[in-house]
C-alpha atoms as a PDB file:
ATOM      1  CA  MET A   1      38.398 -29.130 -33.056  1.00  0.00           C
ATOM      2  CA  LEU A   2      35.454 -29.907 -30.690  1.00  0.00           C
ATOM      3  CA  SER A   3      36.040 -33.709 -31.055  1.00  0.00           C
ATOM      4  CA  LYS A   4      39.618 -33.552 -29.819  1.00  0.00           C
ATOM      5  CA  PHE A   5      38.561 -31.259 -26.904  1.00  0.00           C
ATOM      6  CA  LEU A   6      35.810 -33.766 -26.059  1.00  0.00           C
ATOM      7  CA  GLU A   7      38.324 -36.568 -26.086  1.00  0.00           C
ATOM      8  CA  ALA A   8      40.655 -34.626 -23.942  1.00  0.00           C
ATOM      9  CA  ALA A   9      38.088 -33.373 -21.526  1.00  0.00           C
ATOM     10  CA  GLY A  10      36.651 -36.857 -21.170  1.00  0.00           C
ATOM     11  CA  THR A  11      40.053 -38.334 -20.198  1.00  0.00           C
ATOM     12  CA  TRP A  12      40.525 -35.663 -17.522  1.00  0.00           C
ATOM     13  CA  ILE A  13      37.009 -36.341 -16.049  1.00  0.00           C
ATOM     14  CA  GLN A  14      37.969 -40.027 -16.168  1.00  0.00           C
ATOM     15  CA  THR A  15      41.163 -39.177 -14.352  1.00  0.00           C
ATOM     16  CA  LEU A  16      39.169 -37.363 -11.636  1.00  0.00           C
ATOM     17  CA  GLY A  17      37.121 -40.544 -11.307  1.00  0.00           C
ATOM     18  CA  THR A  18      40.067 -42.781 -10.933  1.00  0.00           C
ATOM     19  CA  PHE A  19      41.435 -40.478  -8.268  1.00  0.00           C
ATOM     20  CA  ILE A  20      38.206 -40.617  -6.369  1.00  0.00           C
ATOM     21  CA  ASN A  21      38.080 -44.372  -6.703  1.00  0.00           C
ATOM     22  CA  ALA A  22      41.737 -44.792  -5.657  1.00  0.00           C
ATOM     23  CA  SER A  23      40.997 -42.664  -2.581  1.00  0.00           C
ATOM     24  CA  GLY A  24      38.146 -44.934  -1.703  1.00  0.00           C
ATOM     25  CA  GLN A  25      40.382 -48.056  -2.117  1.00  0.00           C
ATOM     26  CA  THR A  26      42.996 -46.444   0.117  1.00  0.00           C
ATOM     27  CA  ILE A  27      40.308 -46.089   2.846  1.00  0.00           C
ATOM     28  CA  ILE A  28      39.325 -49.672   2.426  1.00  0.00           C
ATOM     29  CA  VAL A  29      43.010 -50.812   2.791  1.00  0.00           C
ATOM     30  CA  LEU A  30      43.571 -48.436   5.873  1.00  0.00           C
ATOM     31  CA  GLN A  31      40.480 -49.731   7.578  1.00  0.00           C
ATOM     32  CA  ASN A  32      41.254 -53.219   6.427  1.00  0.00           C
ATOM     33  CA  ASN A  33      37.550 -53.660   5.623  1.00  0.00           C
ATOM     34  CA  GLU A  34      36.130 -54.350   2.203  1.00  0.00           C
ATOM     35  CA  ASN A  35      32.751 -53.247   3.589  1.00  0.00           C
ATOM     36  CA  SER A  36      33.918 -49.731   4.498  1.00  0.00           C
ATOM     37  CA  PHE A  37      30.981 -47.320   3.862  1.00  0.00           C
ATOM     38  CA  GLU A  38      33.359 -44.437   3.233  1.00  0.00           C
ATOM     39  CA  GLY A  39      35.549 -46.369   0.896  1.00  0.00           C
ATOM     40  CA  ASN A  40      32.655 -47.828  -1.090  1.00  0.00           C
ATOM     41  CA  ALA A  41      30.883 -44.534  -1.350  1.00  0.00           C
ATOM     42  CA  LEU A  42      33.972 -43.089  -2.849  1.00  0.00           C
ATOM     43  CA  ALA A  43      34.309 -46.068  -5.194  1.00  0.00           C
ATOM     44  CA  LEU A  44      30.739 -45.562  -6.249  1.00  0.00           C
ATOM     45  CA  THR A  45      31.197 -41.847  -6.872  1.00  0.00           C
ATOM     46  CA  GLY A  46      34.572 -42.412  -8.638  1.00  0.00           C
ATOM     47  CA  ASN A  47      33.229 -45.141 -10.957  1.00  0.00           C
ATOM     48  CA  SER A  48      30.190 -43.017 -11.820  1.00  0.00           C
ATOM     49  CA  VAL A  49      32.502 -39.937 -12.631  1.00  0.00           C
ATOM     50  CA  GLU A  50      34.693 -42.345 -14.746  1.00  0.00           C
ATOM     51  CA  ALA A  51      31.713 -43.677 -16.661  1.00  0.00           C
ATOM     52  CA  PHE A  52      30.659 -40.039 -17.570  1.00  0.00           C
ATOM     53  CA  GLY A  53      34.270 -39.152 -18.651  1.00  0.00           C
ATOM     54  CA  ASN A  54      34.445 -42.341 -20.763  1.00  0.00           C
ATOM     55  CA  SER A  55      31.204 -41.456 -22.423  1.00  0.00           C
ATOM     56  CA  VAL A  56      32.331 -37.864 -23.273  1.00  0.00           C
ATOM     57  CA  GLN A  57      35.513 -39.406 -24.656  1.00  0.00           C
ATOM     58  CA  ALA A  58      33.555 -41.875 -26.739  1.00  0.00           C
ATOM     59  CA  ILE A  59      31.415 -39.074 -28.227  1.00  0.00           C
ATOM     60  CA  GLY A  60      34.544 -37.089 -28.944  1.00  0.00           C
ATOM     61  CA  LYS A  61      36.131 -40.154 -30.653  1.00  0.00           C
ATOM     62  CA  THR A  62      32.961 -40.767 -32.765  1.00  0.00           C
ATOM     63  CA  LYS A  63      32.938 -37.195 -34.067  1.00  0.00           C
ATOM     64  CA  GLN A  64      36.466 -37.447 -35.416  1.00  0.00           C
ATOM     65  CA  GLU A  65      36.951 -37.943 -39.155  1.00  0.00           C
ATOM     66  CA  ASP A  66      39.589 -40.656 -38.573  1.00  0.00           C
ATOM     67  CA  SER A  67      37.951 -42.412 -35.700  1.00  0.00           C
ATOM     68  CA  GLN A  68      38.627 -46.108 -35.240  1.00  0.00           C
ATOM     69  CA  VAL A  69      35.822 -48.406 -34.202  1.00  0.00           C
ATOM     70  CA  ASP A  70      38.176 -50.299 -31.642  1.00  0.00           C
ATOM     71  CA  GLY A  71      38.775 -46.931 -29.860  1.00  0.00           C
ATOM     72  CA  ILE A  72      35.161 -45.900 -29.785  1.00  0.00           C
ATOM     73  CA  LEU A  73      34.139 -49.424 -28.700  1.00  0.00           C
ATOM     74  CA  GLY A  74      36.912 -49.414 -26.027  1.00  0.00           C
ATOM     75  CA  ALA A  75      35.651 -46.087 -24.538  1.00  0.00           C
ATOM     76  CA  TRP A  76      32.087 -47.379 -24.374  1.00  0.00           C
ATOM     77  CA  PHE A  77      33.332 -50.676 -22.763  1.00  0.00           C
ATOM     78  CA  GLN A  78      35.121 -48.724 -20.095  1.00  0.00           C
ATOM     79  CA  ALA A  79      32.037 -46.618 -19.474  1.00  0.00           C
ATOM     80  CA  GLY A  80      30.029 -49.946 -19.045  1.00  0.00           C
ATOM     81  CA  GLY A  81      32.688 -51.493 -16.823  1.00  0.00           C
ATOM     82  CA  ASN A  82      32.560 -48.290 -14.546  1.00  0.00           C
ATOM     83  CA  ILE A  83      28.768 -48.368 -14.401  1.00  0.00           C
ATOM     84  CA  THR A  84      29.043 -52.105 -13.368  1.00  0.00           C
ATOM     85  CA  ASN A  85      31.622 -51.221 -10.766  1.00  0.00           C
ATOM     86  CA  ALA A  86      29.436 -48.421  -9.462  1.00  0.00           C
ATOM     87  CA  LYS A  87      26.522 -50.892  -9.004  1.00  0.00           C
ATOM     88  CA  ALA A  88      28.870 -53.290  -7.286  1.00  0.00           C
ATOM     89  CA  SER A  89      29.865 -50.569  -4.794  1.00  0.00           C
ATOM     90  CA  TYR A  90      26.221 -49.731  -4.262  1.00  0.00           C
ATOM     91  CA  LEU A  91      25.409 -53.337  -3.438  1.00  0.00           C
ATOM     92  CA  MET A  92      28.372 -53.511  -1.090  1.00  0.00           C
ATOM     93  CA  ILE A  93      27.051 -50.363   0.797  1.00  0.00           C
ATOM     94  CA  ARG A  94      23.585 -52.023   0.954  1.00  0.00           C
ATOM     95  CA  GLY A  95      25.185 -55.104   2.602  1.00  0.00           C
ATOM     96  CA  PHE A  96      25.171 -57.433  -0.315  1.00  0.00           C
ATOM     97  CA  GLU A  97      28.940 -58.138  -0.098  1.00  0.00           C
ATOM     98  CA  GLU A  98      29.352 -61.272  -2.222  1.00  0.00           C
ATOM     99  CA  ASP A  99      27.019 -60.126  -4.946  1.00  0.00           C
ATOM    100  CA  GLY A 100      28.795 -56.838  -5.097  1.00  0.00           C
ATOM    101  CA  LEU A 101      32.206 -58.455  -5.197  1.00  0.00           C
ATOM    102  CA  ARG A 102      31.192 -60.730  -8.033  1.00  0.00           C
ATOM    103  CA  LEU A 103      29.808 -57.861 -10.084  1.00  0.00           C
ATOM    104  CA  ASP A 104      32.970 -55.943  -9.318  1.00  0.00           C
ATOM    105  CA  VAL A 105      35.114 -58.574 -11.034  1.00  0.00           C
ATOM    106  CA  ILE A 106      32.966 -58.252 -14.055  1.00  0.00           C
ATOM    107  CA  GLY A 107      33.124 -54.589 -14.157  1.00  0.00           C
ATOM    108  CA  ASP A 108      36.904 -54.572 -13.800  1.00  0.00           C
ATOM    109  CA  SER A 109      37.232 -57.148 -16.552  1.00  0.00           C
ATOM    110  CA  ILE A 110      35.057 -55.102 -18.828  1.00  0.00           C
ATOM    111  CA  GLN A 111      37.118 -51.981 -18.143  1.00  0.00           C
ATOM    112  CA  SER A 112      40.248 -53.819 -18.779  1.00  0.00           C
ATOM    113  CA  ILE A 113      39.182 -55.024 -22.130  1.00  0.00           C
ATOM    114  CA  GLY A 114      37.825 -51.458 -22.956  1.00  0.00           C
ATOM    115  CA  ALA A 115      41.092 -49.986 -22.186  1.00  0.00           C
ATOM    116  CA  PHE A 116      42.993 -52.672 -24.079  1.00  0.00           C
ATOM    117  CA  PHE A 117      40.807 -51.870 -27.107  1.00  0.00           C
ATOM    118  CA  GLU A 118      41.646 -48.173 -26.864  1.00  0.00           C
ATOM    119  CA  ALA A 119      45.360 -48.974 -26.417  1.00  0.00           C
ATOM    120  CA  ALA A 120      45.156 -51.024 -29.706  1.00  0.00           C
ATOM    121  CA  SER A 121      43.427 -48.088 -31.460  1.00  0.00           C
ATOM    122  CA  SER A 122      45.957 -45.607 -30.308  1.00  0.00           C
ATOM    123  CA  SER A 123      48.783 -47.862 -31.202  1.00  0.00           C
ATOM    124  CA  THR A 124      47.793 -47.657 -34.939  1.00  0.00           C
ATOM    125  CA  ASP A 125      47.134 -43.864 -34.932  1.00  0.00           C
ATOM    126  CA  HIS A 126      49.802 -41.820 -36.577  1.00  0.00           C
ATOM    127  CA  SER A 127      49.520 -38.766 -34.312  1.00  0.00           C
ATOM    128  CA  GLU A 128      52.368 -37.373 -32.461  1.00  0.00           C
ATOM    129  CA  PHE A 129      51.187 -38.390 -29.028  1.00  0.00           C
ATOM    130  CA  ALA A 130      49.587 -41.732 -29.968  1.00  0.00           C
ATOM    131  CA  ASP A 131      52.319 -43.777 -28.317  1.00  0.00           C
ATOM    132  CA  LEU A 132      51.970 -42.050 -25.095  1.00  0.00           C
ATOM    133  CA  ALA A 133      48.190 -42.425 -25.076  1.00  0.00           C
ATOM    134  CA  SER A 134      48.634 -46.202 -25.938  1.00  0.00           C
ATOM    135  CA  LYS A 135      50.966 -46.606 -22.975  1.00  0.00           C
ATOM    136  CA  GLY A 136      48.654 -44.980 -20.613  1.00  0.00           C
ATOM    137  CA  GLN A 137      45.749 -47.030 -21.852  1.00  0.00           C
ATOM    138  CA  LEU A 138      47.702 -50.195 -21.484  1.00  0.00           C
ATOM    139  CA  LEU A 139      48.484 -49.197 -17.906  1.00  0.00           C
ATOM    140  CA  GLN A 140      44.694 -48.645 -17.329  1.00  0.00           C
ATOM    141  CA  SER A 141      43.937 -52.107 -18.673  1.00  0.00           C
ATOM    142  CA  PHE A 142      46.622 -53.693 -16.602  1.00  0.00           C
ATOM    143  CA  GLY A 143      45.365 -51.831 -13.570  1.00  0.00           C
ATOM    144  CA  ALA A 144      41.774 -52.896 -13.985  1.00  0.00           C
ATOM    145  CA  MET A 145      42.770 -56.421 -14.430  1.00  0.00           C
ATOM    146  CA  ILE A 146      44.835 -56.267 -11.245  1.00  0.00           C
ATOM    147  CA  GLU A 147      41.827 -54.949  -9.432  1.00  0.00           C
ATOM    148  CA  ALA A 148      39.786 -57.908 -10.654  1.00  0.00           C
ATOM    149  CA  ILE A 149      42.492 -60.232  -9.383  1.00  0.00           C
ATOM    150  CA  GLY A 150      42.308 -58.530  -6.076  1.00  0.00           C
ATOM    151  CA  VAL A 151      38.535 -59.040  -5.729  1.00  0.00           C
ATOM    152  CA  LEU A 152      39.060 -62.726  -6.547  1.00  0.00           C
ATOM    153  CA  TYR A 153      41.395 -62.892  -3.686  1.00  0.00           C
ATOM    154  CA  ILE A 154      38.831 -61.354  -1.427  1.00  0.00           C
ATOM    155  CA  LEU A 155      36.199 -63.785  -2.653  1.00  0.00           C
ATOM    156  CA  ASN A 156      38.688 -66.668  -1.794  1.00  0.00           C
ATOM    157  CA  ASP A 157      38.779 -65.402   1.845  1.00  0.00           C
ATOM    158  CA  GLU A 158      42.117 -63.730   1.459  1.00  0.00           C
ATOM    159  CA  MET A 159      40.872 -60.240   2.538  1.00  0.00           C
ATOM    160  CA  GLU A 160      44.012 -58.575   3.517  1.00  0.00           C
ATOM    161  CA  GLU A 161      46.029 -59.420   0.341  1.00  0.00           C
ATOM    162  CA  GLY A 162      42.989 -58.868  -1.810  1.00  0.00           C
ATOM    163  CA  ILE A 163      42.311 -55.363  -0.801  1.00  0.00           C
ATOM    164  CA  GLN A 164      45.977 -54.376  -1.224  1.00  0.00           C
ATOM    165  CA  ILE A 165      46.051 -55.922  -4.625  1.00  0.00           C
ATOM    166  CA  GLN A 166      42.828 -54.027  -5.502  1.00  0.00           C
ATOM    167  CA  ALA A 167      44.260 -50.744  -4.193  1.00  0.00           C
ATOM    168  CA  PHE A 168      47.418 -51.293  -6.376  1.00  0.00           C
ATOM    169  CA  GLY A 169      45.294 -51.833  -9.397  1.00  0.00           C
ATOM    170  CA  SER A 170      43.319 -48.669  -8.704  1.00  0.00           C
ATOM    171  CA  TYR A 171      46.572 -46.636  -8.356  1.00  0.00           C
ATOM    172  CA  ALA A 172      47.844 -48.211 -11.800  1.00  0.00           C
ATOM    173  CA  GLN A 173      44.552 -47.120 -13.378  1.00  0.00           C
ATOM    174  CA  LEU A 174      45.044 -43.645 -11.989  1.00  0.00           C
ATOM    175  CA  ALA A 175      48.620 -43.487 -13.400  1.00  0.00           C
ATOM    176  CA  GLY A 176      47.426 -44.739 -16.824  1.00  0.00           C
ATOM    177  CA  ALA A 177      44.413 -42.304 -16.991  1.00  0.00           C
ATOM    178  CA  THR A 178      46.733 -39.424 -16.171  1.00  0.00           C
ATOM    179  CA  ILE A 179      49.184 -40.413 -18.832  1.00  0.00           C
ATOM    180  CA  THR A 180      46.316 -40.803 -21.357  1.00  0.00           C
ATOM    181  CA  ALA A 181      44.741 -37.434 -20.403  1.00  0.00           C
ATOM    182  CA  ILE A 182      48.184 -35.698 -20.889  1.00  0.00           C
ATOM    183  CA  ALA A 183      48.610 -37.412 -24.388  1.00  0.00           C
ATOM    184  CA  PHE A 184      45.031 -36.295 -25.510  1.00  0.00           C
ATOM    185  CA  THR A 185      45.427 -32.819 -24.130  1.00  0.00           C
ATOM    186  CA  LYS A 186      48.853 -32.498 -26.079  1.00  0.00           C
ATOM    187  CA  GLU A 187      47.050 -33.800 -29.185  1.00  0.00           C
ATOM    188  CA  TRP A 188      44.137 -31.398 -28.738  1.00  0.00           C
ATOM    189  CA  ILE A 189      46.493 -28.470 -28.331  1.00  0.00           C
ATOM    190  CA  HIS A 190      48.570 -29.658 -31.293  1.00  0.00           C
ATOM    191  CA  SER A 191      45.414 -29.817 -33.550  1.00  0.00           C
ATOM    192  CA  GLU A 192      44.351 -26.326 -32.467  1.00  0.00           C
ATOM    193  CA  LYS A 193      47.729 -24.895 -33.331  1.00  0.00           C
ATOM    194  CA  LYS A 194      47.283 -26.399 -36.854  1.00  0.00           C
ATOM    195  CA  ASN A 195      43.995 -24.637 -37.337  1.00  0.00           C
END
């Protein structure tokens, strides 16, 4: 089924984006500098890749006969949050630190809401791997909210703590995206074997 393939492929693309973003966050922590060009360039790239993956995933969900609105909406919310985060990283690169940080909180929050919607959708799905997908999506939601909290620390002049919290959130998102990608891949393979 093409729709299940798109959903699985989208989650792997999203996972690649979260890896790139987490790499950027690691550079920011190692340099102890929220304005790190290298770190923010990777964050911009990673969030852009994530947004593309979320969009592919949303299209795949839309094409499924048993698709649920909250899952589709969640994937689009995540894409919007990632686009917002990419813009925030661009602002940081251009020297507009406070504007970029404020926008980053919004993007992380939108991503968190989107991942939560997806987790709620997966939790009501009756497929064999829905529970695993739901757990991964909840971890993504949790990670995005932790990132937002880290940025709030930075905005309150607690730079060292903030960048560490933000990096931890990006690692949680990476773990969640990976778990979700595994679940959707297993679901796709399972559906192919049925046909």
